[in-house]
Each structure stands twice: as C-alpha cells, then as structure tokens.
Amino acid sequence: MKYIILLFLALSSAVSAQEYKAVFNCNANDMQYVASRMVLVERTMDMIEKNGDTPKFAITIHGGCAPIVSKNYDEIVLDEKDLGSIELSQKQLIRLAERGVEIVVCAMSLNANTIPKEDVIPSVKISPNSFLETISYQNNGYALMVFE
C-alpha cells in the first residue's frame, strides 16, 4: 500500500509539472544591464527547475546587444568599461546554451556592428533576421521578455 501511495504521488507531481516557454529579446546598448539580465535568465531557470518544472528558453540578439556574441568583442567595443560586462554576458550565453537555451543573433546586426560571421561564438545560430525568429517563438507559445 505504501508503494502505491508513493507511485501515485510521483505520477501526480509529473502530471502537474509545467513547461515555461520564453524568448528573451536583447536589443539593449547598456552592457552592464545586459550582463545582469543574462545572469537573471539563468537564475530564473534554476527557480523553475527547483519547483520541478521545465524551462524552455530562447534568446534573440540584435542591435546594440550583438557584440556579446563576438569572439573578438574587445576589438569592436569602443568603451573599455563595457568589456567586463560583455565578457560576463558571453560566459552566460555559453552556459545557457549548454543548458539547452537556443540563442540566435541577427545577421543584419552582425553587419551593422562589423562582426564577421566567423567571429560568432559556436553556440549561437545566425538568422538572416532575428525578428522572424522572435515572431516564430511567439507563434509557438513563447512569452516575450524584452531587454531594452
């Protein structure tokens, strides 16, 4: 009888588990802010998982946020005070990708920021237009979270 109750509790908690789907759209120019948001994305994942639920996250990157995906960000960023924040953001992107977060950067933003495609860190997918990716995520039930 004891095992039946344990089995029932395990099955009922599995049935009640929830999936949290969100796309984080990064267009911010403030690198300290971007770094803080990247850390917050991971903390949010931790909280969801701690509750027994599943995060399904994506990050779309464009505009002023694009330098965080460059292997050579130190060559394209003019303000040295931003370098530490970009380094933290990039480390977070890599960690998030390892945890299953899909990361997409806009090719037009790479071009506007003079970032060659071969300089993009390996865990990042390049899209011709990240707006299309963001719209697709939303059409598939992802909540839109904006970094601006």
N, C-alpha and C. Protein backbone atom coordinates (compact mmCIF):
# COMPACT_ATOMS: atom_id res chain seq x y z
N MET A 1 0.82 -1.20 0.00
CA MET A 1 0.00 0.00 0.00
C MET A 1 0.87 1.26 0.00
N LYS A 2 1.94 1.20 0.78
CA LYS A 2 2.87 2.33 0.88
C LYS A 2 3.47 2.67 -0.49
N TYR A 3 3.82 1.63 -1.26
CA TYR A 3 4.41 1.84 -2.57
C TYR A 3 3.40 2.40 -3.57
N ILE A 4 2.17 2.01 -3.42
CA ILE A 4 1.12 2.53 -4.30
C ILE A 4 0.93 4.02 -4.06
N ILE A 5 0.96 4.44 -2.83
CA ILE A 5 0.82 5.86 -2.49
C ILE A 5 2.01 6.65 -3.04
N LEU A 6 3.23 6.11 -2.88
CA LEU A 6 4.42 6.78 -3.41
C LEU A 6 4.36 6.88 -4.93
N LEU A 7 3.91 5.82 -5.57
CA LEU A 7 3.77 5.84 -7.02
C LEU A 7 2.74 6.87 -7.45
N PHE A 8 1.64 6.92 -6.75
CA PHE A 8 0.59 7.90 -7.05
C PHE A 8 1.12 9.33 -6.89
N LEU A 9 1.86 9.60 -5.82
CA LEU A 9 2.42 10.94 -5.61
C LEU A 9 3.41 11.30 -6.70
N ALA A 10 4.23 10.34 -7.10
CA ALA A 10 5.21 10.60 -8.17
C ALA A 10 4.51 10.89 -9.48
N LEU A 11 3.49 10.13 -9.81
CA LEU A 11 2.76 10.35 -11.05
C LEU A 11 1.99 11.67 -11.03
N SER A 12 1.40 12.00 -9.90
CA SER A 12 0.63 13.25 -9.84
C SER A 12 1.54 14.47 -9.93
N SER A 13 2.74 14.39 -9.38
CA SER A 13 3.66 15.53 -9.50
C SER A 13 4.18 15.65 -10.93
N ALA A 14 4.37 14.52 -11.61
CA ALA A 14 4.81 14.57 -13.01
C ALA A 14 3.73 15.16 -13.90
N VAL A 15 2.49 14.84 -13.61
CA VAL A 15 1.37 15.35 -14.40
C VAL A 15 1.21 16.85 -14.18
N SER A 16 1.49 17.32 -12.96
CA SER A 16 1.30 18.74 -12.65
C SER A 16 2.50 19.59 -13.04
N ALA A 17 3.60 18.98 -13.49
CA ALA A 17 4.77 19.75 -13.91
C ALA A 17 4.41 20.66 -15.08
N GLN A 18 4.97 21.84 -15.05
CA GLN A 18 4.63 22.85 -16.05
C GLN A 18 5.86 23.19 -16.89
N GLU A 19 5.63 23.54 -18.14
CA GLU A 19 6.70 23.99 -19.01
C GLU A 19 6.60 25.51 -19.14
N TYR A 20 7.70 26.19 -18.89
CA TYR A 20 7.77 27.64 -19.01
C TYR A 20 8.53 27.98 -20.30
N LYS A 21 7.84 28.55 -21.26
CA LYS A 21 8.45 28.90 -22.54
C LYS A 21 8.57 30.41 -22.65
N ALA A 22 9.79 30.88 -22.90
CA ALA A 22 10.01 32.32 -23.04
C ALA A 22 11.13 32.58 -24.03
N VAL A 23 10.97 33.66 -24.79
CA VAL A 23 12.02 34.16 -25.66
C VAL A 23 12.45 35.52 -25.11
N PHE A 24 13.74 35.64 -24.85
CA PHE A 24 14.31 36.87 -24.32
C PHE A 24 14.93 37.62 -25.50
N ASN A 25 14.39 38.79 -25.79
CA ASN A 25 14.81 39.57 -26.94
C ASN A 25 15.76 40.67 -26.46
N CYS A 26 17.02 40.60 -26.86
CA CYS A 26 18.04 41.55 -26.39
C CYS A 26 18.38 42.54 -27.49
N ASN A 27 18.09 43.81 -27.20
CA ASN A 27 18.40 44.90 -28.11
C ASN A 27 19.08 46.05 -27.36
N ALA A 28 19.42 45.83 -26.11
CA ALA A 28 19.93 46.90 -25.26
C ALA A 28 21.36 47.28 -25.63
N ASN A 29 21.69 48.54 -25.38
CA ASN A 29 23.05 49.04 -25.59
C ASN A 29 23.85 49.09 -24.29
N ASP A 30 23.18 49.03 -23.15
CA ASP A 30 23.82 49.12 -21.84
C ASP A 30 24.35 47.73 -21.47
N MET A 31 25.64 47.56 -21.60
CA MET A 31 26.24 46.23 -21.42
C MET A 31 26.15 45.73 -19.98
N GLN A 32 26.19 46.62 -19.01
CA GLN A 32 26.02 46.19 -17.61
C GLN A 32 24.61 45.63 -17.41
N TYR A 33 23.63 46.30 -17.98
CA TYR A 33 22.25 45.84 -17.90
C TYR A 33 22.10 44.48 -18.58
N VAL A 34 22.68 44.34 -19.76
CA VAL A 34 22.60 43.07 -20.50
C VAL A 34 23.20 41.94 -19.66
N ALA A 35 24.37 42.18 -19.07
CA ALA A 35 25.02 41.16 -18.24
C ALA A 35 24.12 40.76 -17.08
N SER A 36 23.49 41.74 -16.44
CA SER A 36 22.61 41.43 -15.31
C SER A 36 21.41 40.61 -15.76
N ARG A 37 20.89 40.87 -16.94
CA ARG A 37 19.74 40.11 -17.46
C ARG A 37 20.15 38.69 -17.82
N MET A 38 21.36 38.51 -18.36
CA MET A 38 21.82 37.16 -18.71
C MET A 38 21.94 36.30 -17.45
N VAL A 39 22.43 36.91 -16.37
CA VAL A 39 22.51 36.19 -15.09
C VAL A 39 21.09 35.87 -14.60
N LEU A 40 20.18 36.82 -14.75
CA LEU A 40 18.80 36.62 -14.30
C LEU A 40 18.10 35.51 -15.08
N VAL A 41 18.42 35.36 -16.35
CA VAL A 41 17.82 34.26 -17.14
C VAL A 41 18.21 32.93 -16.50
N GLU A 42 19.47 32.77 -16.15
CA GLU A 42 19.90 31.51 -15.54
C GLU A 42 19.26 31.31 -14.17
N ARG A 43 19.18 32.35 -13.38
CA ARG A 43 18.53 32.24 -12.06
C ARG A 43 17.06 31.85 -12.21
N THR A 44 16.43 32.38 -13.21
CA THR A 44 15.02 32.05 -13.46
C THR A 44 14.90 30.57 -13.83
N MET A 45 15.81 30.09 -14.65
CA MET A 45 15.82 28.65 -15.00
C MET A 45 15.97 27.81 -13.74
N ASP A 46 16.90 28.21 -12.87
CA ASP A 46 17.13 27.47 -11.63
C ASP A 46 15.86 27.42 -10.78
N MET A 47 15.16 28.53 -10.67
CA MET A 47 13.94 28.58 -9.86
C MET A 47 12.85 27.67 -10.44
N ILE A 48 12.72 27.69 -11.75
CA ILE A 48 11.72 26.85 -12.41
C ILE A 48 12.04 25.38 -12.17
N GLU A 49 13.30 25.01 -12.36
CA GLU A 49 13.70 23.62 -12.17
C GLU A 49 13.57 23.19 -10.72
N LYS A 50 13.85 24.09 -9.79
CA LYS A 50 13.73 23.78 -8.36
C LYS A 50 12.29 23.41 -8.01
N ASN A 51 11.34 24.01 -8.70
CA ASN A 51 9.92 23.71 -8.48
C ASN A 51 9.46 22.47 -9.22
N GLY A 52 10.38 21.80 -9.91
CA GLY A 52 10.03 20.58 -10.63
C GLY A 52 9.44 20.83 -12.01
N ASP A 53 9.54 22.06 -12.47
CA ASP A 53 9.01 22.41 -13.77
C ASP A 53 10.15 22.49 -14.79
N THR A 54 9.80 22.75 -16.05
CA THR A 54 10.79 22.74 -17.13
C THR A 54 10.85 24.10 -17.84
N PRO A 55 12.03 24.72 -17.86
CA PRO A 55 12.17 25.94 -18.66
C PRO A 55 12.52 25.58 -20.10
N LYS A 56 11.93 26.28 -21.03
CA LYS A 56 12.26 26.14 -22.44
C LYS A 56 12.47 27.56 -22.95
N PHE A 57 13.72 27.98 -22.98
CA PHE A 57 14.06 29.37 -23.25
C PHE A 57 14.82 29.53 -24.55
N ALA A 58 14.69 30.73 -25.12
CA ALA A 58 15.47 31.14 -26.28
C ALA A 58 15.88 32.60 -26.05
N ILE A 59 16.97 32.98 -26.67
CA ILE A 59 17.43 34.38 -26.62
C ILE A 59 17.67 34.82 -28.05
N THR A 60 17.03 35.93 -28.43
CA THR A 60 17.29 36.53 -29.74
C THR A 60 18.07 37.81 -29.51
N ILE A 61 19.10 38.01 -30.31
CA ILE A 61 20.03 39.11 -30.11
C ILE A 61 20.11 39.94 -31.38
N HIS A 62 20.00 41.25 -31.20
CA HIS A 62 20.16 42.16 -32.34
C HIS A 62 20.54 43.54 -31.84
N GLY A 63 20.73 44.46 -32.77
CA GLY A 63 21.05 45.84 -32.42
C GLY A 63 22.32 45.96 -31.58
N GLY A 64 22.25 46.81 -30.57
CA GLY A 64 23.40 47.09 -29.72
C GLY A 64 23.85 45.92 -28.86
N CYS A 65 23.05 44.89 -28.80
CA CYS A 65 23.38 43.71 -27.99
C CYS A 65 24.32 42.75 -28.74
N ALA A 66 24.44 42.91 -30.05
CA ALA A 66 25.18 41.96 -30.89
C ALA A 66 26.64 41.72 -30.48
N PRO A 67 27.38 42.71 -29.97
CA PRO A 67 28.78 42.44 -29.63
C PRO A 67 28.99 41.30 -28.63
N ILE A 68 27.98 40.95 -27.85
CA ILE A 68 28.18 39.89 -26.86
C ILE A 68 28.39 38.52 -27.49
N VAL A 69 28.11 38.37 -28.79
CA VAL A 69 28.31 37.07 -29.44
C VAL A 69 29.64 36.97 -30.17
N SER A 70 30.41 38.04 -30.20
CA SER A 70 31.67 38.05 -30.95
C SER A 70 32.84 37.51 -30.13
N LYS A 71 33.60 36.60 -30.73
CA LYS A 71 34.82 36.11 -30.09
C LYS A 71 35.81 37.26 -29.88
N ASN A 72 35.72 38.28 -30.73
CA ASN A 72 36.66 39.40 -30.68
C ASN A 72 35.98 40.70 -30.26
N TYR A 73 35.10 40.61 -29.26
CA TYR A 73 34.36 41.80 -28.82
C TYR A 73 35.28 42.94 -28.38
N ASP A 74 36.45 42.60 -27.87
CA ASP A 74 37.38 43.64 -27.41
C ASP A 74 37.91 44.50 -28.56
N GLU A 75 37.79 44.01 -29.79
CA GLU A 75 38.23 44.77 -30.95
C GLU A 75 37.16 45.70 -31.51
N ILE A 76 35.89 45.46 -31.14
CA ILE A 76 34.81 46.26 -31.72
C ILE A 76 34.13 47.18 -30.71
N VAL A 77 34.36 46.94 -29.42
CA VAL A 77 33.71 47.76 -28.38
C VAL A 77 34.61 48.95 -28.07
N LEU A 78 34.05 50.15 -28.18
CA LEU A 78 34.83 51.36 -28.00
C LEU A 78 35.01 51.74 -26.54
N ASP A 79 34.05 51.46 -25.70
CA ASP A 79 34.10 51.87 -24.30
C ASP A 79 34.65 50.73 -23.44
N GLU A 80 35.85 50.93 -22.91
CA GLU A 80 36.51 49.87 -22.15
C GLU A 80 35.74 49.44 -20.91
N LYS A 81 34.91 50.33 -20.37
CA LYS A 81 34.14 49.96 -19.18
C LYS A 81 33.12 48.86 -19.49
N ASP A 82 32.81 48.66 -20.76
CA ASP A 82 31.85 47.63 -21.16
C ASP A 82 32.47 46.24 -21.30
N LEU A 83 33.79 46.15 -21.37
CA LEU A 83 34.44 44.88 -21.67
C LEU A 83 34.14 43.79 -20.65
N GLY A 84 34.20 44.12 -19.37
CA GLY A 84 33.91 43.13 -18.33
C GLY A 84 32.48 42.62 -18.40
N SER A 85 31.55 43.53 -18.68
CA SER A 85 30.14 43.14 -18.79
C SER A 85 29.89 42.27 -20.01
N ILE A 86 30.56 42.58 -21.11
CA ILE A 86 30.41 41.75 -22.31
C ILE A 86 31.00 40.37 -22.07
N GLU A 87 32.14 40.32 -21.40
CA GLU A 87 32.74 39.03 -21.09
C GLU A 87 31.80 38.18 -20.22
N LEU A 88 31.19 38.80 -19.21
CA LEU A 88 30.24 38.08 -18.37
C LEU A 88 29.03 37.62 -19.17
N SER A 89 28.51 38.49 -20.02
CA SER A 89 27.35 38.13 -20.86
C SER A 89 27.68 36.94 -21.75
N GLN A 90 28.86 36.97 -22.34
CA GLN A 90 29.24 35.89 -23.24
C GLN A 90 29.40 34.57 -22.48
N LYS A 91 30.00 34.62 -21.31
CA LYS A 91 30.13 33.41 -20.49
C LYS A 91 28.74 32.86 -20.14
N GLN A 92 27.83 33.76 -19.82
CA GLN A 92 26.46 33.34 -19.51
C GLN A 92 25.79 32.72 -20.72
N LEU A 93 25.98 33.32 -21.90
CA LEU A 93 25.41 32.76 -23.12
C LEU A 93 25.88 31.33 -23.34
N ILE A 94 27.16 31.10 -23.15
CA ILE A 94 27.72 29.77 -23.34
C ILE A 94 27.13 28.80 -22.32
N ARG A 95 27.02 29.22 -21.06
CA ARG A 95 26.42 28.37 -20.02
C ARG A 95 24.96 28.07 -20.34
N LEU A 96 24.24 29.11 -20.76
CA LEU A 96 22.82 28.92 -21.07
C LEU A 96 22.65 27.97 -22.26
N ALA A 97 23.51 28.11 -23.26
CA ALA A 97 23.44 27.20 -24.41
C ALA A 97 23.69 25.76 -23.97
N GLU A 98 24.62 25.57 -23.05
CA GLU A 98 24.91 24.23 -22.54
C GLU A 98 23.70 23.66 -21.79
N ARG A 99 22.85 24.54 -21.27
CA ARG A 99 21.65 24.11 -20.54
C ARG A 99 20.44 23.99 -21.47
N GLY A 100 20.65 24.16 -22.77
CA GLY A 100 19.58 23.95 -23.73
C GLY A 100 18.88 25.20 -24.23
N VAL A 101 19.34 26.37 -23.83
CA VAL A 101 18.75 27.60 -24.32
C VAL A 101 19.18 27.81 -25.77
N GLU A 102 18.22 28.09 -26.63
CA GLU A 102 18.52 28.38 -28.04
C GLU A 102 18.89 29.86 -28.15
N ILE A 103 20.01 30.13 -28.80
CA ILE A 103 20.50 31.51 -28.92
C ILE A 103 20.65 31.85 -30.39
N VAL A 104 20.05 32.99 -30.78
CA VAL A 104 20.03 33.41 -32.18
C VAL A 104 20.47 34.86 -32.27
N VAL A 105 21.34 35.15 -33.22
CA VAL A 105 21.75 36.53 -33.47
C VAL A 105 21.34 36.91 -34.89
N CYS A 106 21.04 38.16 -35.07
CA CYS A 106 20.60 38.70 -36.35
C CYS A 106 21.81 39.00 -37.25
N ALA A 107 21.81 38.48 -38.46
CA ALA A 107 22.90 38.73 -39.41
C ALA A 107 23.00 40.21 -39.77
N MET A 108 21.87 40.89 -39.85
CA MET A 108 21.91 42.33 -40.16
C MET A 108 22.58 43.11 -39.03
N SER A 109 22.37 42.68 -37.79
CA SER A 109 23.02 43.33 -36.65
C SER A 109 24.51 43.02 -36.60
N LEU A 110 24.87 41.81 -37.00
CA LEU A 110 26.30 41.49 -37.10
C LEU A 110 26.96 42.45 -38.09
N ASN A 111 26.33 42.62 -39.24
CA ASN A 111 26.85 43.51 -40.26
C ASN A 111 26.95 44.96 -39.75
N ALA A 112 25.89 45.43 -39.09
CA ALA A 112 25.87 46.80 -38.58
C ALA A 112 26.93 47.03 -37.52
N ASN A 113 27.30 45.97 -36.79
CA ASN A 113 28.32 46.07 -35.75
C ASN A 113 29.69 45.61 -36.23
N THR A 114 29.84 45.42 -37.55
CA THR A 114 31.07 44.94 -38.19
C THR A 114 31.64 43.69 -37.53
N ILE A 115 30.75 42.72 -37.31
CA ILE A 115 31.15 41.44 -36.73
C ILE A 115 31.07 40.39 -37.83
N PRO A 116 32.22 39.85 -38.27
CA PRO A 116 32.19 38.79 -39.28
C PRO A 116 31.49 37.54 -38.72
N LYS A 117 30.77 36.84 -39.56
CA LYS A 117 30.05 35.64 -39.12
C LYS A 117 30.98 34.61 -38.50
N GLU A 118 32.21 34.53 -38.99
CA GLU A 118 33.15 33.55 -38.44
C GLU A 118 33.62 33.91 -37.03
N ASP A 119 33.35 35.14 -36.57
CA ASP A 119 33.71 35.57 -35.22
C ASP A 119 32.63 35.26 -34.19
N VAL A 120 31.49 34.75 -34.62
CA VAL A 120 30.39 34.45 -33.70
C VAL A 120 30.72 33.17 -32.92
N ILE A 121 30.50 33.22 -31.61
CA ILE A 121 30.78 32.04 -30.78
C ILE A 121 29.93 30.86 -31.26
N PRO A 122 30.47 29.65 -31.15
CA PRO A 122 29.85 28.48 -31.77
C PRO A 122 28.42 28.15 -31.29
N SER A 123 28.06 28.50 -30.08
CA SER A 123 26.74 28.12 -29.55
C SER A 123 25.61 29.01 -30.06
N VAL A 124 25.94 29.98 -30.92
CA VAL A 124 24.95 30.94 -31.40
C VAL A 124 24.61 30.67 -32.86
N LYS A 125 23.31 30.59 -33.14
CA LYS A 125 22.80 30.42 -34.50
C LYS A 125 22.66 31.80 -35.14
N ILE A 126 23.01 31.92 -36.39
CA ILE A 126 22.86 33.19 -37.12
C ILE A 126 21.59 33.12 -37.96
N SER A 127 20.75 34.12 -37.78
CA SER A 127 19.50 34.23 -38.54
C SER A 127 19.59 35.42 -39.48
N PRO A 128 19.01 35.32 -40.67
CA PRO A 128 19.01 36.49 -41.55
C PRO A 128 18.31 37.69 -40.91
N ASN A 129 17.31 37.42 -40.06
CA ASN A 129 16.54 38.49 -39.43
C ASN A 129 15.98 37.95 -38.11
N SER A 130 16.52 38.40 -36.99
CA SER A 130 16.09 37.85 -35.70
C SER A 130 14.65 38.19 -35.36
N PHE A 131 14.06 39.19 -36.00
CA PHE A 131 12.64 39.47 -35.79
C PHE A 131 11.81 38.26 -36.20
N LEU A 132 12.21 37.63 -37.33
CA LEU A 132 11.49 36.44 -37.78
C LEU A 132 11.56 35.32 -36.75
N GLU A 133 12.73 35.16 -36.15
CA GLU A 133 12.90 34.13 -35.12
C GLU A 133 12.03 34.45 -33.91
N THR A 134 12.05 35.70 -33.48
CA THR A 134 11.27 36.11 -32.31
C THR A 134 9.78 35.89 -32.56
N ILE A 135 9.31 36.26 -33.73
CA ILE A 135 7.90 36.06 -34.08
C ILE A 135 7.57 34.57 -34.08
N SER A 136 8.46 33.76 -34.62
CA SER A 136 8.23 32.32 -34.66
C SER A 136 8.11 31.74 -33.25
N TYR A 137 9.01 32.15 -32.36
CA TYR A 137 8.92 31.68 -30.98
C TYR A 137 7.58 32.08 -30.36
N GLN A 138 7.18 33.33 -30.57
CA GLN A 138 5.90 33.78 -30.03
C GLN A 138 4.74 32.98 -30.61
N ASN A 139 4.77 32.71 -31.90
CA ASN A 139 3.72 31.93 -32.52
C ASN A 139 3.66 30.50 -31.98
N ASN A 140 4.77 30.06 -31.40
CA ASN A 140 4.83 28.72 -30.81
C ASN A 140 4.64 28.73 -29.30
N GLY A 141 4.06 29.80 -28.80
CA GLY A 141 3.68 29.84 -27.40
C GLY A 141 4.71 30.38 -26.42
N TYR A 142 5.79 30.96 -26.90
CA TYR A 142 6.81 31.53 -26.02
C TYR A 142 6.38 32.93 -25.60
N ALA A 143 6.51 33.22 -24.31
CA ALA A 143 6.27 34.56 -23.80
C ALA A 143 7.44 35.45 -24.22
N LEU A 144 7.16 36.70 -24.59
CA LEU A 144 8.21 37.63 -24.99
C LEU A 144 8.69 38.42 -23.79
N MET A 145 9.99 38.32 -23.53
CA MET A 145 10.66 39.07 -22.47
C MET A 145 11.69 39.97 -23.17
N VAL A 146 11.66 41.26 -22.91
CA VAL A 146 12.47 42.21 -23.68
C VAL A 146 13.56 42.84 -22.81
N PHE A 147 14.78 42.86 -23.34
CA PHE A 147 15.89 43.59 -22.74
C PHE A 147 16.09 44.85 -23.57
N GLU A 148 15.63 45.98 -23.10
CA GLU A 148 15.82 47.23 -23.84
C GLU A 148 16.29 48.32 -22.93
